[in-house]
Structure formats: structure tokens, C-alpha cells
């Protein structure tokens, strides 16, 4: 078993404008693929008269539209304002957007959290940690999320089990606020942002691995 706690002090300073720009780039990166597929499908409908090709195009458009919608709903909660600064978010809504974003033929979500309201940044952190947990099982698997404690100070334990499970070593320094050699970009900003949220919530993040299971925890510091 290996562990990688992430409780060190922030070492990378970034302006609010730069952070906002990088998060916007990340959202665009998430939705550009399904939106592009919709455009391709529409072009096929315009150019093809064969019924079988038009059926394929319509299937592509429908599938891609659902995917784009799921990604936008997820990123709205994970990165967006989602209410006032002191707002609370419903864990039931979090479950819905996680399933829409991450659950498919390869990946199963086992959601064991109660349906209740938690402080906004705590729920945003949970969503970002789910993304990171998905990175630990690149071939898919089962991701189980369970509560640690209860109430407004609830923490989380997310266990991802799958073939070739691994702790993404490049992510751990970003959670601690340590910049990559080339600086932050739209790919690296998400784990960096997760680290910011964890520190704001007073939670300490940690990775551990046992065989084909990688566990990511967010515990009260």
C-alpha cells in the first residue's frame, strides 16, 4: 500500500482572472467533443439522402446532445457559482450529475452518501474528487463513494476498483498547490482547483492503493 497525503501549504500563486480563464478552458475542453459530434451529424443529414446514413446521424446527434448536456450540468456544479457564497447544495443533485457524467458501460458508481444539504464548496470538492477518482481506473471499474462523519463537516472516502488502477502521481503535487514544470493549463487546473476547495473546507486529501483499489479521502483536518 502507498499513501500520498496532501496537506502541505500552497506554493503556487495564481490570480483570480487566470484561474477563471483556466476553468473556462477546462469546461470548453469537456464539451467541445460532443458538440463537434453534433455538428458532424448535422452535416451528414444535410449531405446524405440514404435512410441508413440519416439514422446513424440522428443516433450520433442524440447521443452527443445527451453527453454535452450531462457534462454541462456537471461542470456547472463542479466549477460554477451555483448560488450565493454561503449557499448549500443537495447531495442528491450531486449524485445525479455524477452519474450522468461518469457512469457508462465501463464504469459503475456506488453512491452511499445520504441525501442532504452540505455547504456549497464541500459538494463542489466532492464532484472534483469524483473526477480525480475516475482517473485512477483508466479502463473503468467500480467507484464507491461513502461518507466520513455526518452533517456540515462530512468528509468523503472514494474507492475506485479496476484493472490497471493507479495513483496519478502528477495529480498529487497539484492538489498540494505545487505547479507542474510547464505551469498550469486547462488539464492541470482541475486537480489544482480541487486542492483549493479542500483547503477552503478545512479538509486534508489523501491517496492510498491496495492492489487494484485506489482510495481517495477527504478528512477533517
Protein backbone atom coordinates (compact mmCIF):
# COMPACT_ATOMS: atom_id res chain seq x y z
CA UNK A 1 0.00 0.00 0.00
CA UNK A 2 1.22 3.50 -0.76
CA UNK A 3 -0.12 6.77 0.52
CA UNK A 4 0.15 10.39 -0.52
CA UNK A 5 -1.39 12.88 1.92
CA UNK A 6 -1.95 16.36 0.57
CA UNK A 7 -1.95 18.77 3.44
CA UNK A 8 1.06 20.99 2.67
CA UNK A 9 0.87 24.73 2.22
CA UNK A 10 0.04 26.34 -1.09
CA UNK A 11 3.16 27.10 -3.14
CA UNK A 12 1.61 28.35 -6.38
CA UNK A 13 0.01 31.77 -6.54
CA UNK A 14 -2.44 32.49 -9.35
CA UNK A 15 -4.65 35.49 -9.96
CA UNK A 16 -8.42 35.18 -9.86
CA UNK A 17 -8.56 36.18 -13.53
CA UNK A 18 -6.11 33.48 -14.58
CA UNK A 19 -7.90 30.85 -12.52
CA UNK A 20 -11.26 31.81 -14.04
CA UNK A 21 -9.79 31.68 -17.55
CA UNK A 22 -8.27 28.23 -16.99
CA UNK A 23 -11.50 26.83 -15.55
CA UNK A 24 -13.43 28.21 -18.54
CA UNK A 25 -10.91 26.50 -20.83
CA UNK A 26 -11.44 23.26 -18.92
CA UNK A 27 -15.22 23.48 -19.38
CA UNK A 28 -14.78 24.15 -23.11
CA UNK A 29 -12.42 21.16 -23.33
CA UNK A 30 -15.09 18.95 -21.71
CA UNK A 31 -17.92 19.91 -24.07
CA UNK A 32 -16.17 20.54 -27.39
CA UNK A 33 -16.03 16.85 -28.34
CA UNK A 34 -19.78 16.10 -28.08
CA UNK A 35 -20.68 19.47 -29.61
CA UNK A 36 -18.35 18.74 -32.52
CA UNK A 37 -20.02 15.36 -32.97
CA UNK A 38 -23.43 17.07 -33.14
CA UNK A 39 -22.14 19.36 -35.89
CA UNK A 40 -20.79 16.36 -37.80
CA UNK A 41 -24.13 14.61 -37.50
CA UNK A 42 -25.98 17.67 -38.82
CA UNK A 43 -23.61 17.84 -41.79
CA UNK A 44 -24.37 14.21 -42.62
CA UNK A 45 -28.11 14.95 -42.51
CA UNK A 46 -27.61 17.83 -44.93
CA UNK A 47 -25.50 15.82 -47.39
CA UNK A 48 -26.97 12.32 -47.25
CA UNK A 49 -30.31 11.05 -48.52
CA UNK A 50 -29.78 7.37 -47.70
CA UNK A 51 -32.14 6.35 -44.85
CA UNK A 52 -29.49 4.24 -43.08
CA UNK A 53 -26.97 7.10 -43.03
CA UNK A 54 -29.59 9.53 -41.77
CA UNK A 55 -30.49 7.11 -38.97
CA UNK A 56 -26.82 6.83 -37.99
CA UNK A 57 -26.53 10.63 -38.00
CA UNK A 58 -29.63 11.06 -35.84
CA UNK A 59 -28.33 8.49 -33.34
CA UNK A 60 -25.00 10.35 -33.19
CA UNK A 61 -26.72 13.69 -32.64
CA UNK A 62 -28.96 12.32 -29.87
CA UNK A 63 -26.12 10.56 -28.07
CA UNK A 64 -23.80 13.57 -28.32
CA UNK A 65 -26.50 16.01 -27.18
CA UNK A 66 -27.13 13.91 -24.05
CA UNK A 67 -23.39 13.76 -23.39
CA UNK A 68 -22.96 17.52 -23.83
CA UNK A 69 -25.90 18.19 -21.51
CA UNK A 70 -24.53 15.84 -18.84
CA UNK A 71 -21.10 17.46 -18.97
CA UNK A 72 -22.52 20.97 -18.75
CA UNK A 73 -24.73 20.06 -15.78
CA UNK A 74 -21.72 18.52 -14.03
CA UNK A 75 -19.34 21.41 -14.69
CA UNK A 76 -21.97 23.93 -13.63
CA UNK A 77 -21.94 22.43 -10.13
CA UNK A 78 -18.26 21.42 -10.01
CA UNK A 79 -16.78 24.71 -11.26
CA UNK A 80 -19.63 27.25 -11.35
CA UNK A 81 -21.02 29.67 -8.77
CA UNK A 82 -24.21 27.60 -8.15
CA UNK A 83 -25.86 30.10 -5.85
CA UNK A 84 -24.63 32.61 -3.28
CA UNK A 85 -21.29 32.38 -1.49
CA UNK A 86 -22.88 30.70 1.54
CA UNK A 87 -25.33 28.52 -0.38
CA UNK A 88 -25.80 24.82 0.29
CA UNK A 89 -26.09 22.15 -2.40
CA UNK A 90 -28.08 18.92 -2.37
CA UNK A 91 -26.07 15.69 -2.42
CA UNK A 92 -28.93 14.17 -4.41
CA UNK A 93 -28.24 16.68 -7.20
CA UNK A 94 -24.55 15.84 -6.94
CA UNK A 95 -25.33 12.15 -7.40
CA UNK A 96 -27.43 12.87 -10.47
CA UNK A 97 -24.75 14.88 -12.26
CA UNK A 98 -22.01 12.39 -11.30
CA UNK A 99 -23.98 9.50 -12.79
CA UNK A 100 -24.71 11.50 -15.93
CA UNK A 101 -21.05 12.45 -16.36
CA UNK A 102 -19.21 9.31 -15.30
CA UNK A 103 -21.43 6.22 -15.33
CA UNK A 104 -21.37 4.18 -18.52
CA UNK A 105 -20.85 0.63 -19.76
CA UNK A 106 -17.34 0.52 -18.25
CA UNK A 107 -17.79 2.46 -15.02
CA UNK A 108 -20.31 1.85 -12.24
CA UNK A 109 -20.99 4.36 -9.46
CA UNK A 110 -21.94 3.09 -5.99
CA UNK A 111 -23.29 6.17 -4.19
CA UNK A 112 -23.58 5.68 -0.43
CA UNK A 113 -23.99 9.30 0.64
CA UNK A 114 -27.23 10.44 2.31
CA UNK A 115 -29.47 12.92 0.54
CA UNK A 116 -28.92 16.13 2.46
CA UNK A 117 -27.68 19.68 2.03
CA UNK A 118 -23.99 20.43 2.51
CA UNK A 119 -22.02 23.67 2.20
CA UNK A 120 -21.50 24.55 -1.46
CA UNK A 121 -17.71 24.23 -1.60
CA UNK A 122 -17.83 20.85 0.13
CA UNK A 123 -20.11 19.49 -2.59
CA UNK A 124 -18.00 21.12 -5.31
CA UNK A 125 -14.96 19.42 -3.80
CA UNK A 126 -16.78 16.07 -3.84
CA UNK A 127 -17.52 16.43 -7.56
CA UNK A 128 -13.92 17.32 -8.32
CA UNK A 129 -12.69 14.35 -6.28
CA UNK A 130 -15.00 12.06 -8.25
CA UNK A 131 -13.29 13.22 -11.44
CA UNK A 132 -9.89 12.50 -9.92
CA UNK A 133 -11.05 9.10 -8.74
CA UNK A 134 -12.17 8.29 -12.26
CA UNK A 135 -8.62 8.99 -13.43
CA UNK A 136 -7.31 6.21 -11.17
CA UNK A 137 -9.17 3.50 -13.15
CA UNK A 138 -8.37 4.32 -16.80
CA UNK A 139 -10.04 1.11 -18.03
CA UNK A 140 -13.17 1.62 -15.95
CA UNK A 141 -14.38 -0.19 -12.87
CA UNK A 142 -16.46 0.44 -9.77
CA UNK A 143 -16.26 3.77 -7.92
CA UNK A 144 -17.79 3.71 -4.44
CA UNK A 145 -18.26 6.95 -2.52
CA UNK A 146 -19.09 6.86 1.20
CA UNK A 147 -19.42 9.49 3.92
CA UNK A 148 -16.87 10.04 6.68
CA UNK A 149 -18.72 11.61 9.57
CA UNK A 150 -22.03 13.42 9.21
CA UNK A 151 -23.59 16.84 8.92
CA UNK A 152 -22.00 20.03 7.58
CA UNK A 153 -18.46 18.76 8.34
CA UNK A 154 -18.91 15.47 6.49
CA UNK A 155 -15.82 14.11 4.76
CA UNK A 156 -15.61 11.56 1.97
CA UNK A 157 -13.97 8.26 1.09
CA UNK A 158 -13.94 7.34 -2.60
CA UNK A 159 -12.68 3.87 -3.53
CA UNK A 160 -12.09 3.08 -7.21
CA UNK A 161 -11.52 -0.55 -8.17
CA UNK A 162 -10.49 -1.63 -11.65
CA UNK A 163 -7.86 -3.20 -13.88
CA UNK A 164 -4.62 -1.18 -14.04
CA UNK A 165 -5.72 1.05 -11.15
CA UNK A 166 -3.04 3.58 -10.26
CA UNK A 167 -2.46 6.76 -8.29
CA UNK A 168 -1.86 9.59 -10.79
CA UNK A 169 1.43 10.91 -9.45
CA UNK A 170 1.22 14.15 -11.44
CA UNK A 171 -2.03 14.98 -9.65
CA UNK A 172 -0.73 14.77 -6.07
CA UNK A 173 1.58 17.82 -6.30
CA UNK A 174 -1.20 19.83 -7.96
CA UNK A 175 -3.53 19.04 -5.06
CA UNK A 176 -0.82 20.48 -2.78
CA UNK A 177 -0.55 23.62 -4.93
CA UNK A 178 2.81 22.71 -6.48
CA UNK A 179 2.88 23.78 -10.15
CA UNK A 180 3.99 21.49 -13.00
CA UNK A 181 7.13 22.37 -14.91
CA UNK A 182 5.22 23.92 -17.78
CA UNK A 183 2.83 25.81 -15.50
CA UNK A 184 -0.90 25.41 -15.13
CA UNK A 185 -3.02 24.64 -18.18
CA UNK A 186 -6.64 23.62 -18.78
CA UNK A 187 -5.79 19.98 -17.94
CA UNK A 188 -3.82 20.66 -14.75
CA UNK A 189 -6.17 23.30 -13.33
CA UNK A 190 -8.82 20.79 -12.19
CA UNK A 191 -6.74 18.99 -9.52
CA UNK A 192 -5.23 22.34 -8.53
CA UNK A 193 -8.74 23.72 -8.06
CA UNK A 194 -9.69 20.63 -6.02
CA UNK A 195 -6.80 21.40 -3.68
CA UNK A 196 -8.02 24.99 -3.28
CA UNK A 197 -11.51 23.75 -2.39
CA UNK A 198 -10.13 21.23 0.13
CA UNK A 199 -8.14 23.90 1.94
CA UNK A 200 -11.15 26.22 1.96
CA UNK A 201 -13.22 23.43 3.56
CA UNK A 202 -10.51 22.54 6.10
CA UNK A 203 -10.19 19.04 4.65
CA UNK A 204 -6.99 17.07 4.12
CA UNK A 205 -6.78 14.92 0.99
CA UNK A 206 -5.01 11.59 0.73
CA UNK A 207 -4.47 8.78 -1.79
CA UNK A 208 -3.78 5.15 -0.93
CA UNK A 209 -3.63 1.98 -3.01
CA UNK A 210 -4.22 -1.66 -2.16
CA UNK A 211 -3.99 -3.93 -5.19
CA UNK A 212 -6.49 -2.80 -7.79
CA UNK A 213 -8.27 -0.39 -5.43
CA UNK A 214 -7.26 3.26 -5.12
CA UNK A 215 -8.88 5.20 -2.27
CA UNK A 216 -9.10 8.97 -2.18
CA UNK A 217 -10.09 10.51 1.15
CA UNK A 218 -11.09 13.98 2.24
CA UNK A 219 -10.90 14.16 6.03
CA UNK A 220 -11.40 16.97 8.50
CA UNK A 221 -8.00 18.45 9.35
